N, C-alpha and C. Protein backbone atom coordinates (compact mmCIF):
# COMPACT_ATOMS: atom_id res chain seq x y z
N MET A 1 0.86 -1.17 0.00
CA MET A 1 0.00 0.00 0.00
C MET A 1 0.90 1.23 0.00
N THR A 2 0.47 2.25 -0.69
CA THR A 2 1.24 3.49 -0.78
C THR A 2 1.02 4.33 0.47
N LEU A 3 1.87 5.32 0.65
CA LEU A 3 1.73 6.23 1.78
C LEU A 3 0.41 6.98 1.71
N ALA A 4 0.01 7.39 0.52
CA ALA A 4 -1.27 8.09 0.36
C ALA A 4 -2.43 7.18 0.76
N GLY A 5 -2.35 5.93 0.40
CA GLY A 5 -3.40 4.97 0.76
C GLY A 5 -3.46 4.75 2.27
N LEU A 6 -2.30 4.65 2.90
CA LEU A 6 -2.26 4.50 4.37
C LEU A 6 -2.87 5.72 5.07
N LEU A 7 -2.52 6.91 4.58
CA LEU A 7 -3.06 8.13 5.19
C LEU A 7 -4.56 8.22 5.00
N ARG A 8 -5.04 7.86 3.79
CA ARG A 8 -6.49 7.87 3.55
C ARG A 8 -7.20 6.92 4.50
N ALA A 9 -6.64 5.73 4.68
CA ALA A 9 -7.26 4.73 5.57
C ALA A 9 -7.22 5.20 7.02
N ALA A 10 -6.12 5.84 7.43
CA ALA A 10 -5.98 6.27 8.82
C ALA A 10 -6.92 7.42 9.16
N PHE A 11 -7.18 8.30 8.20
CA PHE A 11 -7.99 9.48 8.48
C PHE A 11 -9.37 9.43 7.85
N ALA A 12 -9.78 8.26 7.43
CA ALA A 12 -11.12 8.11 6.86
C ALA A 12 -12.15 8.32 7.95
N PRO A 13 -13.31 8.92 7.62
CA PRO A 13 -14.34 9.12 8.65
C PRO A 13 -14.80 7.78 9.22
N ALA A 14 -15.04 7.79 10.50
CA ALA A 14 -15.47 6.56 11.17
C ALA A 14 -16.89 6.21 10.75
N ARG A 15 -17.15 4.94 10.64
CA ARG A 15 -18.50 4.47 10.33
C ARG A 15 -19.35 4.50 11.59
N ARG A 16 -20.61 4.74 11.41
CA ARG A 16 -21.53 4.69 12.55
C ARG A 16 -21.68 3.25 12.99
N PRO A 17 -21.54 2.97 14.28
CA PRO A 17 -21.69 1.59 14.73
C PRO A 17 -23.13 1.12 14.59
N GLN A 18 -23.29 -0.11 14.23
CA GLN A 18 -24.61 -0.72 14.13
C GLN A 18 -24.99 -1.29 15.48
N ALA A 19 -26.28 -1.30 15.75
CA ALA A 19 -26.75 -1.92 17.00
C ALA A 19 -26.39 -3.39 16.95
N THR A 20 -25.66 -3.81 17.93
CA THR A 20 -25.20 -5.21 17.97
C THR A 20 -25.60 -5.81 19.30
N SER A 21 -25.29 -7.07 19.40
CA SER A 21 -25.58 -7.73 20.68
C SER A 21 -24.74 -7.09 21.79
N LEU A 22 -23.56 -6.58 21.45
CA LEU A 22 -22.73 -5.90 22.45
C LEU A 22 -23.44 -4.68 22.99
N HIS A 23 -24.05 -3.89 22.09
CA HIS A 23 -24.78 -2.70 22.52
C HIS A 23 -25.97 -3.08 23.41
N ARG A 24 -26.65 -4.15 23.06
CA ARG A 24 -27.78 -4.60 23.88
C ARG A 24 -27.29 -5.06 25.26
N LYS A 25 -26.14 -5.73 25.29
CA LYS A 25 -25.58 -6.16 26.58
C LYS A 25 -25.18 -4.96 27.43
N LEU A 26 -24.57 -3.96 26.80
CA LEU A 26 -24.19 -2.76 27.54
C LEU A 26 -25.43 -2.05 28.11
N ALA A 27 -26.48 -1.97 27.30
CA ALA A 27 -27.72 -1.35 27.78
C ALA A 27 -28.30 -2.14 28.94
N ALA A 28 -28.26 -3.47 28.84
CA ALA A 28 -28.77 -4.30 29.93
C ALA A 28 -27.93 -4.11 31.19
N ASN A 29 -26.60 -4.02 31.05
CA ASN A 29 -25.73 -3.81 32.21
C ASN A 29 -26.00 -2.46 32.86
N LEU A 30 -26.23 -1.44 32.05
CA LEU A 30 -26.56 -0.12 32.61
C LEU A 30 -27.87 -0.17 33.39
N ALA A 31 -28.84 -0.91 32.88
CA ALA A 31 -30.11 -1.04 33.60
C ALA A 31 -29.92 -1.78 34.91
N ILE A 32 -29.10 -2.83 34.90
CA ILE A 32 -28.84 -3.58 36.14
C ILE A 32 -28.16 -2.69 37.17
N LEU A 33 -27.11 -1.96 36.74
CA LEU A 33 -26.41 -1.07 37.68
C LEU A 33 -27.30 0.07 38.14
N GLY A 34 -27.97 0.71 37.19
CA GLY A 34 -28.77 1.89 37.52
C GLY A 34 -29.98 1.58 38.37
N ASP A 35 -30.73 0.56 38.00
CA ASP A 35 -31.97 0.25 38.71
C ASP A 35 -31.80 -0.86 39.74
N GLY A 36 -31.13 -1.93 39.36
CA GLY A 36 -30.99 -3.07 40.25
C GLY A 36 -30.11 -2.81 41.46
N PHE A 37 -28.97 -2.16 41.22
CA PHE A 37 -28.04 -1.90 42.32
C PHE A 37 -28.22 -0.51 42.92
N GLY A 38 -28.94 0.36 42.26
CA GLY A 38 -29.19 1.69 42.82
C GLY A 38 -28.21 2.76 42.40
N GLN A 39 -27.44 2.52 41.35
CA GLN A 39 -26.47 3.52 40.95
C GLN A 39 -27.12 4.82 40.52
N SER A 40 -28.26 4.75 39.86
CA SER A 40 -28.97 5.97 39.47
C SER A 40 -29.38 6.78 40.70
N ARG A 41 -29.87 6.08 41.70
CA ARG A 41 -30.27 6.76 42.94
C ARG A 41 -29.06 7.36 43.65
N THR A 42 -27.93 6.67 43.59
CA THR A 42 -26.69 7.20 44.16
C THR A 42 -26.32 8.51 43.50
N PHE A 43 -26.42 8.57 42.17
CA PHE A 43 -26.12 9.82 41.46
C PHE A 43 -27.10 10.91 41.86
N ASP A 44 -28.38 10.57 41.94
CA ASP A 44 -29.40 11.56 42.29
C ASP A 44 -29.24 12.08 43.71
N ASP A 45 -28.95 11.18 44.66
CA ASP A 45 -28.84 11.55 46.07
C ASP A 45 -27.48 12.16 46.42
N GLY A 46 -26.46 11.88 45.61
CA GLY A 46 -25.13 12.38 45.91
C GLY A 46 -24.45 11.65 47.05
N ARG A 47 -24.92 10.46 47.34
CA ARG A 47 -24.32 9.62 48.39
C ARG A 47 -24.59 8.17 48.00
N PRO A 48 -23.72 7.25 48.42
CA PRO A 48 -23.91 5.85 48.00
C PRO A 48 -25.09 5.19 48.71
N VAL A 49 -26.07 4.79 47.93
CA VAL A 49 -27.24 4.09 48.45
C VAL A 49 -27.59 2.95 47.51
N ASP A 50 -28.33 1.97 48.04
CA ASP A 50 -28.80 0.88 47.18
C ASP A 50 -30.10 1.29 46.51
N ALA A 51 -30.71 0.36 45.80
CA ALA A 51 -31.94 0.67 45.06
C ALA A 51 -33.07 1.09 46.00
N GLY A 52 -33.04 0.65 47.26
CA GLY A 52 -34.06 1.02 48.23
C GLY A 52 -33.74 2.28 49.01
N GLY A 53 -32.61 2.92 48.70
CA GLY A 53 -32.23 4.14 49.39
C GLY A 53 -31.46 3.92 50.68
N GLN A 54 -31.11 2.67 50.97
CA GLN A 54 -30.34 2.37 52.18
C GLN A 54 -28.85 2.63 51.94
N PRO A 55 -28.11 3.06 52.97
CA PRO A 55 -26.70 3.39 52.77
C PRO A 55 -25.88 2.15 52.41
N ILE A 56 -24.93 2.36 51.53
CA ILE A 56 -23.94 1.34 51.19
C ILE A 56 -22.57 2.00 51.19
N PRO A 57 -21.52 1.21 51.39
CA PRO A 57 -20.17 1.80 51.38
C PRO A 57 -19.71 2.06 49.95
N TRP A 58 -18.65 2.86 49.83
CA TRP A 58 -18.03 3.11 48.53
C TRP A 58 -17.15 1.92 48.18
N PHE A 59 -17.74 0.77 48.03
CA PHE A 59 -17.06 -0.45 47.59
C PHE A 59 -17.63 -0.80 46.23
N THR A 60 -16.99 -1.73 45.56
CA THR A 60 -17.57 -2.24 44.32
C THR A 60 -18.81 -3.06 44.67
N TYR A 61 -19.74 -3.14 43.73
CA TYR A 61 -20.96 -3.92 43.99
C TYR A 61 -20.66 -5.39 44.28
N PRO A 62 -19.72 -6.02 43.58
CA PRO A 62 -19.39 -7.41 43.94
C PRO A 62 -18.84 -7.54 45.36
N ALA A 63 -18.06 -6.56 45.82
CA ALA A 63 -17.54 -6.61 47.19
C ALA A 63 -18.68 -6.50 48.20
N ILE A 64 -19.63 -5.62 47.93
CA ILE A 64 -20.78 -5.47 48.82
C ILE A 64 -21.59 -6.77 48.86
N GLU A 65 -21.81 -7.37 47.68
CA GLU A 65 -22.55 -8.64 47.63
C GLU A 65 -21.82 -9.73 48.41
N PHE A 66 -20.51 -9.79 48.26
CA PHE A 66 -19.72 -10.79 48.97
C PHE A 66 -19.83 -10.61 50.48
N LEU A 67 -19.62 -9.39 50.96
CA LEU A 67 -19.67 -9.13 52.40
C LEU A 67 -21.08 -9.30 52.97
N SER A 68 -22.09 -9.03 52.17
CA SER A 68 -23.47 -9.13 52.65
C SER A 68 -23.88 -10.57 52.98
N ARG A 69 -23.12 -11.53 52.52
CA ARG A 69 -23.43 -12.94 52.80
C ARG A 69 -23.15 -13.32 54.25
N TYR A 70 -22.37 -12.53 54.94
CA TYR A 70 -21.93 -12.89 56.29
C TYR A 70 -22.78 -12.22 57.36
N ALA A 71 -23.02 -12.95 58.43
CA ALA A 71 -23.65 -12.37 59.62
C ALA A 71 -22.55 -11.58 60.33
N MET A 72 -22.74 -10.29 60.50
CA MET A 72 -21.68 -9.42 61.01
C MET A 72 -21.83 -9.06 62.47
N ARG A 73 -22.83 -9.63 63.12
CA ARG A 73 -23.03 -9.32 64.53
C ARG A 73 -21.76 -9.68 65.31
N GLY A 74 -21.23 -8.70 66.03
CA GLY A 74 -20.02 -8.92 66.81
C GLY A 74 -18.73 -8.62 66.08
N TRP A 75 -18.79 -8.39 64.79
CA TRP A 75 -17.57 -8.02 64.06
C TRP A 75 -17.09 -6.67 64.58
N GLU A 76 -15.80 -6.48 64.62
CA GLU A 76 -15.22 -5.19 64.99
C GLU A 76 -14.58 -4.59 63.75
N VAL A 77 -15.07 -3.42 63.36
CA VAL A 77 -14.62 -2.77 62.13
C VAL A 77 -13.97 -1.44 62.49
N PHE A 78 -12.77 -1.20 61.98
CA PHE A 78 -12.10 0.09 62.12
C PHE A 78 -12.08 0.73 60.75
N GLU A 79 -12.54 1.96 60.68
CA GLU A 79 -12.51 2.66 59.39
C GLU A 79 -11.96 4.06 59.57
N TYR A 80 -11.21 4.47 58.59
CA TYR A 80 -10.68 5.83 58.57
C TYR A 80 -11.62 6.65 57.71
N GLY A 81 -12.38 7.50 58.34
CA GLY A 81 -13.40 8.27 57.65
C GLY A 81 -14.75 7.60 57.82
N CYS A 82 -15.70 8.32 58.34
CA CYS A 82 -17.02 7.73 58.53
C CYS A 82 -18.01 8.34 57.55
N GLY A 83 -19.07 7.62 57.32
CA GLY A 83 -20.08 8.07 56.38
C GLY A 83 -21.08 6.95 56.14
N GLN A 84 -21.41 6.75 54.88
CA GLN A 84 -22.41 5.74 54.53
C GLN A 84 -21.96 4.35 54.95
N SER A 85 -20.67 4.06 54.83
CA SER A 85 -20.20 2.73 55.21
C SER A 85 -20.37 2.49 56.71
N THR A 86 -20.26 3.53 57.50
CA THR A 86 -20.47 3.39 58.95
C THR A 86 -21.88 2.91 59.21
N PHE A 87 -22.85 3.53 58.55
CA PHE A 87 -24.25 3.10 58.70
C PHE A 87 -24.45 1.68 58.19
N TRP A 88 -23.78 1.35 57.09
CA TRP A 88 -23.92 0.02 56.49
C TRP A 88 -23.39 -1.06 57.43
N TRP A 89 -22.16 -0.87 57.96
CA TRP A 89 -21.58 -1.86 58.88
C TRP A 89 -22.44 -1.97 60.15
N ALA A 90 -22.77 -0.84 60.76
CA ALA A 90 -23.54 -0.85 62.01
C ALA A 90 -24.92 -1.45 61.79
N GLY A 91 -25.52 -1.21 60.64
CA GLY A 91 -26.82 -1.77 60.34
C GLY A 91 -26.82 -3.29 60.24
N ARG A 92 -25.66 -3.86 60.08
CA ARG A 92 -25.52 -5.31 60.02
C ARG A 92 -24.99 -5.89 61.32
N GLY A 93 -24.90 -5.07 62.35
CA GLY A 93 -24.53 -5.56 63.67
C GLY A 93 -23.06 -5.44 64.03
N ALA A 94 -22.26 -4.86 63.15
CA ALA A 94 -20.84 -4.72 63.46
C ALA A 94 -20.62 -3.59 64.47
N LEU A 95 -19.56 -3.73 65.26
CA LEU A 95 -19.14 -2.67 66.18
C LEU A 95 -18.13 -1.81 65.42
N VAL A 96 -18.48 -0.56 65.15
CA VAL A 96 -17.69 0.27 64.25
C VAL A 96 -16.95 1.35 65.03
N THR A 97 -15.65 1.46 64.77
CA THR A 97 -14.83 2.56 65.27
C THR A 97 -14.37 3.34 64.06
N SER A 98 -14.73 4.62 64.02
CA SER A 98 -14.36 5.46 62.89
C SER A 98 -13.47 6.61 63.36
N VAL A 99 -12.53 6.96 62.54
CA VAL A 99 -11.62 8.07 62.83
C VAL A 99 -11.71 9.05 61.67
N GLU A 100 -11.85 10.33 61.99
CA GLU A 100 -11.88 11.38 60.98
C GLU A 100 -10.59 12.19 61.08
N HIS A 101 -10.07 12.58 59.96
CA HIS A 101 -8.83 13.36 59.94
C HIS A 101 -9.06 14.83 60.30
N ASP A 102 -10.29 15.31 60.15
CA ASP A 102 -10.55 16.72 60.38
C ASP A 102 -11.53 16.98 61.51
N ALA A 103 -11.79 16.00 62.33
CA ALA A 103 -12.77 16.16 63.41
C ALA A 103 -12.13 16.76 64.65
């Protein structure tokens, strides 16, 4: 291929993507995150909450799901910075000690 051909190929206008199964999967994932896990409500409220408006920590959703499997009554949790996660841990029966840097 000539240099002119390479340049034409490199700077050719991009084609519009067609709706594919990937696009449908992405739309489904956005619906799961937004509605199922409460991410839309988190954006609206400006604080991390689940779909029911209950506080959740700033963890990944899989981490929250993993930790939610355990009975936390009697757990001792130390956290640097308190907030929604403090309510989340305490709501599950953990004994929470929080430290703030500016308190």
